[in-house]
N, C-alpha and C. Protein backbone atom coordinates (compact mmCIF):
# COMPACT_ATOMS: atom_id res chain seq x y z
N UNK A 1 37.30 5.04 103.07
CA UNK A 1 38.41 3.95 102.04
C UNK A 1 38.26 2.81 102.26
N UNK A 2 38.61 2.39 101.04
CA UNK A 2 38.73 0.39 100.85
C UNK A 2 40.01 -0.16 101.64
N UNK A 3 39.67 -1.55 101.67
CA UNK A 3 40.90 -2.41 102.45
C UNK A 3 41.89 -1.95 101.36
N UNK A 4 41.58 -2.17 100.01
CA UNK A 4 42.89 -1.91 98.98
C UNK A 4 43.27 -0.65 98.75
N UNK A 5 42.70 0.53 99.36
CA UNK A 5 43.16 1.65 99.01
C UNK A 5 44.34 1.80 100.36
N UNK A 6 43.78 1.08 101.39
CA UNK A 6 44.83 1.00 102.94
C UNK A 6 45.74 0.31 102.73
N UNK A 7 45.73 -0.69 102.20
CA UNK A 7 47.03 -1.70 101.42
C UNK A 7 47.99 -0.83 100.63
N UNK A 8 47.30 -0.29 99.62
CA UNK A 8 47.92 0.80 98.90
C UNK A 8 48.90 1.67 99.69
N UNK A 9 48.38 2.17 100.71
CA UNK A 9 49.07 3.13 101.18
C UNK A 9 50.09 2.77 102.32
N UNK A 10 49.77 1.97 102.63
CA UNK A 10 50.96 1.51 103.88
C UNK A 10 51.78 0.70 102.54
N UNK A 11 51.91 -0.01 101.23
CA UNK A 11 53.05 -0.32 100.73
C UNK A 11 53.57 1.12 100.47
N UNK A 12 53.14 1.92 99.58
CA UNK A 12 53.64 3.23 99.29
C UNK A 12 54.71 3.80 100.32
N UNK A 13 53.91 3.92 101.63
CA UNK A 13 54.59 4.66 102.94
C UNK A 13 55.81 3.74 103.53
N UNK A 14 55.54 2.38 103.67
CA UNK A 14 56.49 1.65 104.74
C UNK A 14 57.12 0.13 103.56
N UNK A 15 56.66 0.09 102.28
CA UNK A 15 57.39 -0.73 101.62
C UNK A 15 56.83 -2.25 101.50
N UNK A 16 56.41 -2.94 100.76
CA UNK A 16 55.75 -3.98 100.34
C UNK A 16 56.16 -4.90 101.82
N UNK A 17 57.58 -5.47 101.97
CA UNK A 17 57.49 -6.25 103.23
C UNK A 17 56.97 -5.65 104.46
N UNK A 18 57.37 -4.65 105.04
CA UNK A 18 57.29 -3.88 105.95
C UNK A 18 55.85 -3.57 106.32
N UNK A 19 54.97 -3.50 105.18
CA UNK A 19 53.51 -2.89 105.35
C UNK A 19 53.17 -4.56 105.59
N UNK A 20 53.35 -5.95 104.92
CA UNK A 20 53.09 -7.15 104.81
C UNK A 20 52.82 -7.46 106.68
N UNK A 21 54.39 -7.64 106.95
CA UNK A 21 54.80 -7.36 108.50
C UNK A 21 54.10 -6.63 109.47
N UNK A 22 53.82 -5.43 109.14
CA UNK A 22 53.06 -4.64 110.07
C UNK A 22 51.56 -4.94 110.38
N UNK A 23 50.94 -5.44 109.37
CA UNK A 23 49.61 -5.76 108.91
C UNK A 23 49.13 -7.20 109.57
N UNK A 24 50.07 -8.31 109.42
CA UNK A 24 50.25 -9.15 110.16
C UNK A 24 50.59 -9.19 111.59
N UNK A 25 51.85 -8.56 111.98
CA UNK A 25 52.37 -9.01 113.29
C UNK A 25 52.32 -7.69 114.53
N UNK A 26 52.19 -6.67 113.77
CA UNK A 26 52.70 -5.58 114.72
C UNK A 26 51.37 -5.31 115.66
N UNK A 27 51.20 -5.44 116.78
CA UNK A 27 50.04 -4.91 117.83
C UNK A 27 49.83 -3.54 118.15
N UNK A 28 48.82 -2.74 117.79
CA UNK A 28 48.91 -1.40 118.17
C UNK A 28 47.93 -0.87 119.47
N UNK A 29 48.39 -0.49 120.05
CA UNK A 29 47.45 -0.11 121.47
C UNK A 29 46.36 0.80 121.27
N UNK A 30 46.59 1.71 120.07
CA UNK A 30 45.18 2.59 119.41
C UNK A 30 44.14 1.43 118.76
N UNK A 31 44.73 0.17 118.38
CA UNK A 31 43.74 -0.35 117.38
C UNK A 31 43.07 -1.22 118.92
N UNK A 32 43.23 -1.16 120.20
CA UNK A 32 42.81 -2.00 121.07
C UNK A 32 43.40 -3.33 121.10
N UNK A 33 44.86 -3.20 121.31
CA UNK A 33 45.93 -3.97 121.18
C UNK A 33 45.56 -5.42 120.07
N UNK A 34 45.32 -4.85 118.71
CA UNK A 34 45.23 -5.47 117.43
C UNK A 34 46.01 -5.26 116.63
N UNK A 35 46.69 -6.12 115.79
CA UNK A 35 47.04 -5.70 114.51
C UNK A 35 46.24 -5.27 113.57
N UNK A 36 47.05 -4.90 112.69
CA UNK A 36 45.71 -4.15 111.49
C UNK A 36 44.92 -5.51 111.03
N UNK A 37 45.34 -6.45 110.67
CA UNK A 37 44.62 -7.46 110.16
C UNK A 37 43.50 -7.74 111.01
N UNK A 38 43.69 -8.03 112.34
CA UNK A 38 42.71 -8.03 113.47
C UNK A 38 41.58 -7.15 113.24
N UNK A 39 42.51 -5.53 113.30
CA UNK A 39 41.25 -4.74 113.52
C UNK A 39 40.35 -4.75 112.54
N UNK A 40 41.09 -5.14 110.79
CA UNK A 40 40.32 -4.87 110.12
C UNK A 40 38.88 -6.08 110.12
N UNK A 41 39.33 -7.60 110.56
CA UNK A 41 38.64 -8.68 110.59
C UNK A 41 37.44 -8.24 111.86
N UNK A 42 37.70 -7.44 112.55
CA UNK A 42 36.95 -7.22 113.76
C UNK A 42 35.68 -5.73 113.55
N UNK A 43 36.11 -5.31 112.06
CA UNK A 43 35.04 -4.35 111.66
C UNK A 43 35.56 -3.06 111.65
N UNK A 44 36.78 -2.79 112.08
CA UNK A 44 37.04 -1.09 111.98
C UNK A 44 37.42 -0.66 110.68
N UNK A 45 37.00 0.02 110.39
CA UNK A 45 36.93 1.40 109.38
C UNK A 45 38.46 1.51 108.79
N UNK A 46 38.92 0.96 107.49
CA UNK A 46 40.18 0.93 106.97
C UNK A 46 40.89 2.60 107.29
N UNK A 47 40.09 3.72 107.01
CA UNK A 47 40.48 4.81 106.91
C UNK A 47 41.02 5.26 108.44
N UNK A 48 39.90 4.71 109.38
CA UNK A 48 40.65 4.91 111.01
C UNK A 48 41.53 4.05 111.40
N UNK A 49 42.13 2.69 110.87
CA UNK A 49 42.74 2.19 111.00
C UNK A 49 44.66 2.90 110.27
N UNK A 50 44.24 3.37 108.96
CA UNK A 50 45.37 4.50 108.29
C UNK A 50 45.59 5.34 109.37
N UNK A 51 44.73 6.19 109.98
CA UNK A 51 45.26 7.25 110.66
C UNK A 51 45.97 6.54 111.80
N UNK A 52 45.82 5.51 112.45
CA UNK A 52 46.50 5.01 113.82
C UNK A 52 47.55 4.60 113.53
N UNK A 53 47.58 4.20 112.07
CA UNK A 53 48.93 3.62 111.33
C UNK A 53 50.36 4.97 111.06
N UNK A 54 49.52 6.18 110.57
CA UNK A 54 50.37 7.40 110.61
C UNK A 54 50.35 7.80 111.99
N UNK A 55 49.89 8.03 112.72
CA UNK A 55 50.27 8.50 114.08
C UNK A 55 51.17 7.02 114.59
N UNK A 56 51.27 6.31 114.65
CA UNK A 56 52.42 5.29 115.06
C UNK A 56 53.78 5.38 114.37
N UNK A 57 53.77 5.84 113.16
CA UNK A 57 54.94 5.71 112.30
C UNK A 57 55.07 7.02 111.78
N UNK A 58 54.91 7.97 112.31
CA UNK A 58 54.74 9.57 112.30
C UNK A 58 54.83 9.95 110.56
N UNK A 59 53.64 9.38 110.16
CA UNK A 59 53.58 9.58 108.53
C UNK A 59 53.05 11.12 108.71
N UNK A 60 53.96 11.82 107.64
CA UNK A 60 53.75 13.10 107.54
C UNK A 60 52.04 13.83 107.00
N UNK A 61 51.25 14.50 107.62
CA UNK A 61 50.17 15.16 107.34
C UNK A 61 49.64 14.98 105.68
N UNK A 62 50.55 15.59 105.03
CA UNK A 62 50.69 15.59 103.74
C UNK A 62 50.44 14.58 102.97
N UNK A 63 50.56 12.89 103.68
CA UNK A 63 50.81 12.00 103.16
C UNK A 63 49.35 10.99 103.56
N UNK A 64 48.92 11.78 104.54
CA UNK A 64 47.86 10.86 105.33
C UNK A 64 46.62 10.59 104.22
């Protein structure tokens, strides 16, 4: 998965504003106490980041 695909899925699932806020401000323990943006900057795979978001926000498996 590429960053652009991750971002698109986040927008589809959470909405534009919430996706942006989440990526920038929300620290997730499963990302090593990082935000989405920080995890990606640190080299995390976007697919792995997406799965963490899915778990944290209870995205149904059919939309993962």
